[in-house]
Amino acid sequence: MMFPWIGRDCRHGQIVERNQRTDVIEIKTSPKTASACCAVVGAAIGFGLGLLSGEGIAHSRSGNPDLVAVALIGFPIVGGYAGSRGLRDKSPAVIYRTP
């Protein structure tokens, strides 16, 4: 399958191909690409890790404030992205199957 919207032109909603009902075996949805709930949880976990590592960096000998800022900003971004992409539902749902 080249396009997930077989039978419809996505831009204009026009029918570009008609199939007989007997030719259709099953219709599936495309897999979900991201999960908002998991992104929020991942960002919260990343923020917690950023706080812990930022505190460790701040109390270390070098104590570079730039590294603390990178930890506080970077960990939630990476955690949110990993949560949204890593825990998504990769299996397509079956909408219709011939009896």
Protein backbone atom coordinates (compact mmCIF):
# COMPACT_ATOMS: atom_id res chain seq x y z
CA MET A 1 0.00 0.00 0.00
CA MET A 2 1.40 3.29 -1.04
CA PHE A 3 -1.11 5.54 0.74
CA PRO A 4 -3.09 4.87 3.95
CA TRP A 5 -6.16 6.66 2.53
CA ILE A 6 -6.71 4.33 -0.45
CA GLY A 7 -9.83 5.28 -2.36
CA ARG A 8 -9.89 8.97 -1.35
CA ASP A 9 -7.92 12.01 -2.36
CA CYS A 10 -6.87 13.43 1.00
CA ARG A 11 -6.64 17.05 -0.13
CA HIS A 12 -10.04 17.43 -1.78
CA GLY A 13 -12.14 14.55 -0.46
CA GLN A 14 -12.83 13.24 -3.96
CA ILE A 15 -13.27 9.56 -4.74
CA VAL A 16 -10.38 8.45 -6.92
CA GLU A 17 -11.02 4.70 -6.99
CA ARG A 18 -14.07 2.50 -6.46
CA ASN A 19 -13.87 -1.11 -5.30
CA GLN A 20 -16.54 -3.77 -5.28
CA ARG A 21 -17.53 -4.92 -1.82
CA THR A 22 -16.57 -8.50 -2.71
CA ASP A 23 -13.01 -7.33 -3.48
CA VAL A 24 -12.49 -5.86 0.01
CA ILE A 25 -11.16 -8.34 2.57
CA GLU A 26 -10.45 -5.98 5.46
CA ILE A 27 -10.01 -2.30 6.26
CA LYS A 28 -7.46 -1.15 8.86
CA THR A 29 -6.64 2.22 10.37
CA SER A 30 -3.11 3.55 10.34
CA PRO A 31 -1.13 3.06 13.57
CA LYS A 32 -1.13 5.89 16.09
CA THR A 33 1.96 8.02 15.89
CA ALA A 34 2.13 9.46 19.38
CA SER A 35 0.56 9.25 22.80
CA ALA A 36 -0.12 12.56 24.59
CA CYS A 37 -0.61 10.92 27.99
CA CYS A 38 2.69 9.08 27.78
CA ALA A 39 4.39 12.28 26.62
CA VAL A 40 3.23 14.12 29.75
CA VAL A 41 4.35 11.26 32.01
CA GLY A 42 7.70 11.07 30.21
CA ALA A 43 8.21 14.84 30.56
CA ALA A 44 7.38 14.67 34.29
CA ILE A 45 9.87 11.84 34.79
CA GLY A 46 12.42 13.79 32.74
CA PHE A 47 11.83 16.87 34.91
CA GLY A 48 12.43 14.82 38.05
CA LEU A 49 15.64 13.39 36.61
CA GLY A 50 16.63 16.90 35.52
CA LEU A 51 16.14 18.20 39.07
CA LEU A 52 18.20 15.39 40.55
CA SER A 53 21.03 15.67 38.06
CA GLY A 54 20.93 19.48 38.11
CA GLU A 55 21.26 19.46 41.88
CA GLY A 56 24.16 17.03 41.62
CA ILE A 57 25.87 19.22 39.03
CA ALA A 58 25.28 22.40 41.07
CA HIS A 59 26.87 20.89 44.19
CA SER A 60 29.81 19.37 42.34
CA ARG A 61 33.27 20.91 42.17
CA SER A 62 32.80 22.44 38.74
CA GLY A 63 29.21 23.59 39.42
CA ASN A 64 28.67 24.85 35.88
CA PRO A 65 25.31 26.71 35.79
CA ASP A 66 25.00 26.09 32.05
CA LEU A 67 24.96 22.34 32.62
CA VAL A 68 22.26 22.76 35.27
CA ALA A 69 20.10 24.67 32.77
CA VAL A 70 20.70 22.02 30.10
CA ALA A 71 19.66 19.29 32.56
CA LEU A 72 16.51 21.14 33.65
CA ILE A 73 15.44 21.87 30.07
CA GLY A 74 16.82 18.89 28.17
CA PHE A 75 15.66 16.00 30.34
CA PRO A 76 11.94 16.90 30.18
CA ILE A 77 12.14 17.38 26.40
CA VAL A 78 13.85 14.04 25.87
CA GLY A 79 11.52 12.34 28.37
CA GLY A 80 8.42 13.72 26.68
CA TYR A 81 9.60 12.69 23.23
CA ALA A 82 10.62 9.22 24.39
CA GLY A 83 7.31 8.76 26.20
CA SER A 84 5.23 9.78 23.21
CA ARG A 85 7.15 7.72 20.66
CA GLY A 86 8.27 4.73 22.67
CA LEU A 87 4.95 3.69 24.19
CA ARG A 88 2.64 4.24 21.24
CA ASP A 89 0.24 1.65 19.89
CA LYS A 90 1.92 0.30 16.76
CA SER A 91 -0.81 -2.11 15.71
CA PRO A 92 -3.52 -0.91 13.31
CA ALA A 93 -7.15 -1.38 14.33
CA VAL A 94 -9.39 -3.45 12.05
CA ILE A 95 -12.51 -1.47 11.06
CA TYR A 96 -14.08 -4.01 8.73
CA ARG A 97 -13.46 -7.65 7.90
CA THR A 98 -15.46 -9.79 5.47
CA PRO A 99 -17.64 -12.39 7.18
